[in-house]
Amino acid sequence: MVENLKIKVKRLDSHQVFPLPSYASKGSSGCDLRASVDTPVTLNPGEIKLIPTGLAISIPPGYEAQIRPRSGIALKHGVGMVNSPGTIDADYRGEIGIILINWGKNPFVIQRGDRIAQMVIARVCHAEICEVDELDGTERGEGGFGHSGIR
């Protein structure tokens, strides 16, 4: 069963006429965030830009908003996020900005209202950090990057 949680959203752009973040289907994990740009923004190959959403949110304590790229623009245009996933902490009240990068071969134009990212609300657990002299052993041990191969 899906847990419902109230997230307060404030529009920072008084001229914003597009919908608030919403889920595309009943089973969607993320809701779409849209670009709140006054004029089209061109993201050239290799370029990184901060794209405003025109929104600020209030997340209850114990939760975070994870900001993730949209798979469609990644596949079709090579556009993603530099810091994926981005994190919106429960105590942040500023504008949500999306740090996009164009890994593709062609310029990508972002228009006002374009769906540029998705937001997933997730529980947060604070860990108690404890320094020790030794860690418990596992079968894997210190095997790291690529230790298990690809087949």
C-alpha atoms as a PDB file:
ATOM      1  CA  MET A   1       0.000   0.000   0.000  1.00  0.00           C
ATOM      2  CA  VAL A   2       1.257   3.480  -0.874  1.00  0.00           C
ATOM      3  CA  GLU A   3       1.668   5.910   2.018  1.00  0.00           C
ATOM      4  CA  ASN A   4       0.150   9.341   1.422  1.00  0.00           C
ATOM      5  CA  LEU A   5       2.024  12.319   2.834  1.00  0.00           C
ATOM      6  CA  LYS A   6       1.102  15.993   2.624  1.00  0.00           C
ATOM      7  CA  ILE A   7       3.815  18.126   0.973  1.00  0.00           C
ATOM      8  CA  LYS A   8       3.166  21.860   1.027  1.00  0.00           C
ATOM      9  CA  VAL A   9       4.178  23.639  -2.201  1.00  0.00           C
ATOM     10  CA  LYS A  10       4.675  27.369  -2.673  1.00  0.00           C
ATOM     11  CA  ARG A  11       4.766  28.932  -6.134  1.00  0.00           C
ATOM     12  CA  LEU A  12       7.586  31.470  -6.286  1.00  0.00           C
ATOM     13  CA  ASP A  13       6.782  32.517  -9.842  1.00  0.00           C
ATOM     14  CA  SER A  14       3.539  34.506  -9.917  1.00  0.00           C
ATOM     15  CA  HIS A  15       3.247  33.955 -13.683  1.00  0.00           C
ATOM     16  CA  GLN A  16       3.486  30.166 -13.378  1.00  0.00           C
ATOM     17  CA  VAL A  17       0.410  28.663 -15.007  1.00  0.00           C
ATOM     18  CA  PHE A  18       1.501  25.039 -15.378  1.00  0.00           C
ATOM     19  CA  PRO A  19       0.373  22.347 -12.930  1.00  0.00           C
ATOM     20  CA  LEU A  20       1.963  21.650  -9.568  1.00  0.00           C
ATOM     21  CA  PRO A  21       4.102  18.487  -9.422  1.00  0.00           C
ATOM     22  CA  SER A  22       1.896  15.474 -10.039  1.00  0.00           C
ATOM     23  CA  TYR A  23       2.137  11.734 -10.607  1.00  0.00           C
ATOM     24  CA  ALA A  24       1.646  10.599 -14.216  1.00  0.00           C
ATOM     25  CA  SER A  25      -0.014   7.336 -13.175  1.00  0.00           C
ATOM     26  CA  LYS A  26      -1.349   5.605 -10.085  1.00  0.00           C
ATOM     27  CA  GLY A  27       1.833   3.524  -9.812  1.00  0.00           C
ATOM     28  CA  SER A  28       4.343   6.341 -10.426  1.00  0.00           C
ATOM     29  CA  SER A  29       7.067   6.766  -7.794  1.00  0.00           C
ATOM     30  CA  GLY A  30       8.025  10.275  -8.833  1.00  0.00           C
ATOM     31  CA  CYS A  31       6.090  13.398  -9.684  1.00  0.00           C
ATOM     32  CA  ASP A  32       7.244  15.641 -12.498  1.00  0.00           C
ATOM     33  CA  LEU A  33       8.977  18.974 -11.937  1.00  0.00           C
ATOM     34  CA  ARG A  34       8.767  21.623 -14.639  1.00  0.00           C
ATOM     35  CA  ALA A  35      11.089  24.343 -15.870  1.00  0.00           C
ATOM     36  CA  SER A  36      10.141  27.835 -14.739  1.00  0.00           C
ATOM     37  CA  VAL A  37      12.178  29.817 -17.263  1.00  0.00           C
ATOM     38  CA  ASP A  38      11.111  33.156 -18.749  1.00  0.00           C
ATOM     39  CA  THR A  39      12.654  32.466 -22.149  1.00  0.00           C
ATOM     40  CA  PRO A  40      13.847  29.230 -23.769  1.00  0.00           C
ATOM     41  CA  VAL A  41      17.201  28.012 -22.403  1.00  0.00           C
ATOM     42  CA  THR A  42      19.619  26.214 -24.719  1.00  0.00           C
ATOM     43  CA  LEU A  43      21.803  23.570 -23.122  1.00  0.00           C
ATOM     44  CA  ASN A  44      24.711  22.954 -25.491  1.00  0.00           C
ATOM     45  CA  PRO A  45      26.640  19.655 -25.523  1.00  0.00           C
ATOM     46  CA  GLY A  46      28.835  19.441 -22.412  1.00  0.00           C
ATOM     47  CA  GLU A  47      27.112  22.425 -20.786  1.00  0.00           C
ATOM     48  CA  ILE A  48      25.718  22.493 -17.232  1.00  0.00           C
ATOM     49  CA  LYS A  49      22.955  24.896 -16.176  1.00  0.00           C
ATOM     50  CA  LEU A  50      20.795  25.423 -13.107  1.00  0.00           C
ATOM     51  CA  ILE A  51      17.158  25.411 -14.198  1.00  0.00           C
ATOM     52  CA  PRO A  52      14.632  26.934 -11.780  1.00  0.00           C
ATOM     53  CA  THR A  53      11.314  25.238 -11.009  1.00  0.00           C
ATOM     54  CA  GLY A  54       9.634  28.262  -9.441  1.00  0.00           C
ATOM     55  CA  LEU A  55       8.664  26.079  -6.467  1.00  0.00           C
ATOM     56  CA  ALA A  56       9.616  25.733  -2.812  1.00  0.00           C
ATOM     57  CA  ILE A  57       8.340  22.895  -0.643  1.00  0.00           C
ATOM     58  CA  SER A  58       7.845  21.992   2.993  1.00  0.00           C
ATOM     59  CA  ILE A  59       8.718  18.378   3.759  1.00  0.00           C
ATOM     60  CA  PRO A  60       7.823  16.850   7.139  1.00  0.00           C
ATOM     61  CA  PRO A  61      10.719  15.835   9.422  1.00  0.00           C
ATOM     62  CA  GLY A  62      11.860  12.280   8.744  1.00  0.00           C
ATOM     63  CA  TYR A  63      11.504  12.641   4.962  1.00  0.00           C
ATOM     64  CA  GLU A  64      13.459  14.029   2.023  1.00  0.00           C
ATOM     65  CA  ALA A  65      12.706  14.789  -1.602  1.00  0.00           C
ATOM     66  CA  GLN A  66      14.990  13.004  -4.044  1.00  0.00           C
ATOM     67  CA  ILE A  67      15.307  14.825  -7.360  1.00  0.00           C
ATOM     68  CA  ARG A  68      16.006  12.478 -10.251  1.00  0.00           C
ATOM     69  CA  PRO A  69      16.461  12.812 -14.012  1.00  0.00           C
ATOM     70  CA  ARG A  70      13.680  11.883 -16.416  1.00  0.00           C
ATOM     71  CA  SER A  71      14.558   8.802 -18.417  1.00  0.00           C
ATOM     72  CA  GLY A  72      12.903  10.024 -21.624  1.00  0.00           C
ATOM     73  CA  ILE A  73      15.100  13.102 -22.056  1.00  0.00           C
ATOM     74  CA  ALA A  74      18.137  11.066 -20.999  1.00  0.00           C
ATOM     75  CA  LEU A  75      17.526   8.420 -23.665  1.00  0.00           C
ATOM     76  CA  LYS A  76      16.329  10.695 -26.470  1.00  0.00           C
ATOM     77  CA  HIS A  77      18.575  13.725 -25.894  1.00  0.00           C
ATOM     78  CA  GLY A  78      21.419  12.692 -23.569  1.00  0.00           C
ATOM     79  CA  VAL A  79      20.299  15.191 -20.923  1.00  0.00           C
ATOM     80  CA  GLY A  80      20.641  14.272 -17.264  1.00  0.00           C
ATOM     81  CA  MET A  81      21.450  15.670 -13.857  1.00  0.00           C
ATOM     82  CA  VAL A  82      24.953  16.296 -12.565  1.00  0.00           C
ATOM     83  CA  ASN A  83      24.099  15.429  -8.953  1.00  0.00           C
ATOM     84  CA  SER A  84      21.702  12.571  -9.353  1.00  0.00           C
ATOM     85  CA  PRO A  85      19.825  12.106  -7.189  1.00  0.00           C
ATOM     86  CA  GLY A  86      19.671  15.574  -5.746  1.00  0.00           C
ATOM     87  CA  THR A  87      18.426  15.881  -2.180  1.00  0.00           C
ATOM     88  CA  ILE A  88      15.958  18.387  -0.768  1.00  0.00           C
ATOM     89  CA  ASP A  89      16.248  18.259   3.028  1.00  0.00           C
ATOM     90  CA  ALA A  90      13.199  18.592   5.273  1.00  0.00           C
ATOM     91  CA  ASP A  91      14.428  21.960   6.615  1.00  0.00           C
ATOM     92  CA  TYR A  92      15.157  23.591   3.199  1.00  0.00           C
ATOM     93  CA  ARG A  93      12.648  26.239   2.128  1.00  0.00           C
ATOM     94  CA  GLY A  94      14.349  27.755  -0.920  1.00  0.00           C
ATOM     95  CA  GLU A  95      13.588  27.253  -4.584  1.00  0.00           C
ATOM     96  CA  ILE A  96      14.109  23.810  -6.064  1.00  0.00           C
ATOM     97  CA  GLY A  97      16.671  24.087  -8.857  1.00  0.00           C
ATOM     98  CA  ILE A  98      17.612  21.314 -11.272  1.00  0.00           C
ATOM     99  CA  ILE A  99      21.285  21.034 -12.299  1.00  0.00           C
ATOM    100  CA  LEU A 100      21.057  19.695 -15.842  1.00  0.00           C
ATOM    101  CA  ILE A 101      23.889  18.574 -18.113  1.00  0.00           C
ATOM    102  CA  ASN A 102      23.805  17.824 -21.818  1.00  0.00           C
ATOM    103  CA  TRP A 103      25.833  14.674 -22.470  1.00  0.00           C
ATOM    104  CA  GLY A 104      24.288  14.454 -25.938  1.00  0.00           C
ATOM    105  CA  LYS A 105      25.644  15.562 -29.309  1.00  0.00           C
ATOM    106  CA  ASN A 106      23.068  18.263 -30.047  1.00  0.00           C
ATOM    107  CA  PRO A 107      21.835  21.388 -28.257  1.00  0.00           C
ATOM    108  CA  PHE A 108      18.764  20.781 -26.094  1.00  0.00           C
ATOM    109  CA  VAL A 109      16.216  23.582 -25.672  1.00  0.00           C
ATOM    110  CA  ILE A 110      14.283  23.875 -22.409  1.00  0.00           C
ATOM    111  CA  GLN A 111      10.949  25.677 -22.668  1.00  0.00           C
ATOM    112  CA  ARG A 112       8.792  27.119 -19.900  1.00  0.00           C
ATOM    113  CA  GLY A 113       6.718  24.289 -18.386  1.00  0.00           C
ATOM    114  CA  ASP A 114       8.835  21.435 -19.779  1.00  0.00           C
ATOM    115  CA  ARG A 115       9.003  18.407 -17.470  1.00  0.00           C
ATOM    116  CA  ILE A 116      12.726  18.282 -16.657  1.00  0.00           C
ATOM    117  CA  ALA A 117      13.052  16.112 -13.544  1.00  0.00           C
ATOM    118  CA  GLN A 118      11.067  14.020 -11.115  1.00  0.00           C
ATOM    119  CA  MET A 119      10.698  14.208  -7.365  1.00  0.00           C
ATOM    120  CA  VAL A 120      10.443  11.139  -5.126  1.00  0.00           C
ATOM    121  CA  ILE A 121       9.572  11.544  -1.437  1.00  0.00           C
ATOM    122  CA  ALA A 122      11.499   9.087   0.752  1.00  0.00           C
ATOM    123  CA  ARG A 123      11.899   8.309   4.440  1.00  0.00           C
ATOM    124  CA  VAL A 124      15.145   9.331   6.125  1.00  0.00           C
ATOM    125  CA  CYS A 125      16.922   7.471   8.888  1.00  0.00           C
ATOM    126  CA  HIS A 126      19.654   9.186  10.916  1.00  0.00           C
ATOM    127  CA  ALA A 127      22.469   6.802  11.751  1.00  0.00           C
ATOM    128  CA  GLU A 128      24.442   6.767  14.968  1.00  0.00           C
ATOM    129  CA  ILE A 129      28.058   6.989  13.782  1.00  0.00           C
ATOM    130  CA  CYS A 130      30.355   4.899  15.998  1.00  0.00           C
ATOM    131  CA  GLU A 131      34.114   4.710  15.543  1.00  0.00           C
ATOM    132  CA  VAL A 132      35.589   1.206  16.064  1.00  0.00           C
ATOM    133  CA  ASP A 133      39.013  -0.419  15.704  1.00  0.00           C
ATOM    134  CA  GLU A 134      37.700  -3.416  13.736  1.00  0.00           C
ATOM    135  CA  LEU A 135      34.665  -4.122  11.548  1.00  0.00           C
ATOM    136  CA  ASP A 136      32.691  -7.345  11.528  1.00  0.00           C
ATOM    137  CA  GLY A 137      33.785  -9.731   8.764  1.00  0.00           C
ATOM    138  CA  THR A 138      31.786 -10.758   5.691  1.00  0.00           C
ATOM    139  CA  GLU A 139      32.279 -13.237   2.862  1.00  0.00           C
ATOM    140  CA  ARG A 140      32.912 -10.330   0.468  1.00  0.00           C
ATOM    141  CA  GLY A 141      35.395  -8.593   2.733  1.00  0.00           C
ATOM    142  CA  GLU A 142      37.192  -5.700   1.033  1.00  0.00           C
ATOM    143  CA  GLY A 143      36.278  -6.762  -2.516  1.00  0.00           C
ATOM    144  CA  GLY A 144      35.313  -3.543  -4.261  1.00  0.00           C
ATOM    145  CA  PHE A 145      34.918  -2.177  -7.764  1.00  0.00           C
ATOM    146  CA  GLY A 146      34.285  -5.018 -10.198  1.00  0.00           C
ATOM    147  CA  HIS A 147      35.213  -7.767  -7.748  1.00  0.00           C
ATOM    148  CA  SER A 148      32.334  -9.969  -8.887  1.00  0.00           C
ATOM    149  CA  GLY A 149      32.942  -9.547 -12.639  1.00  0.00           C
ATOM    150  CA  ILE A 150      30.290  -8.874 -15.267  1.00  0.00           C
ATOM    151  CA  ARG A 151      29.030 -12.416 -15.954  1.00  0.00           C
END
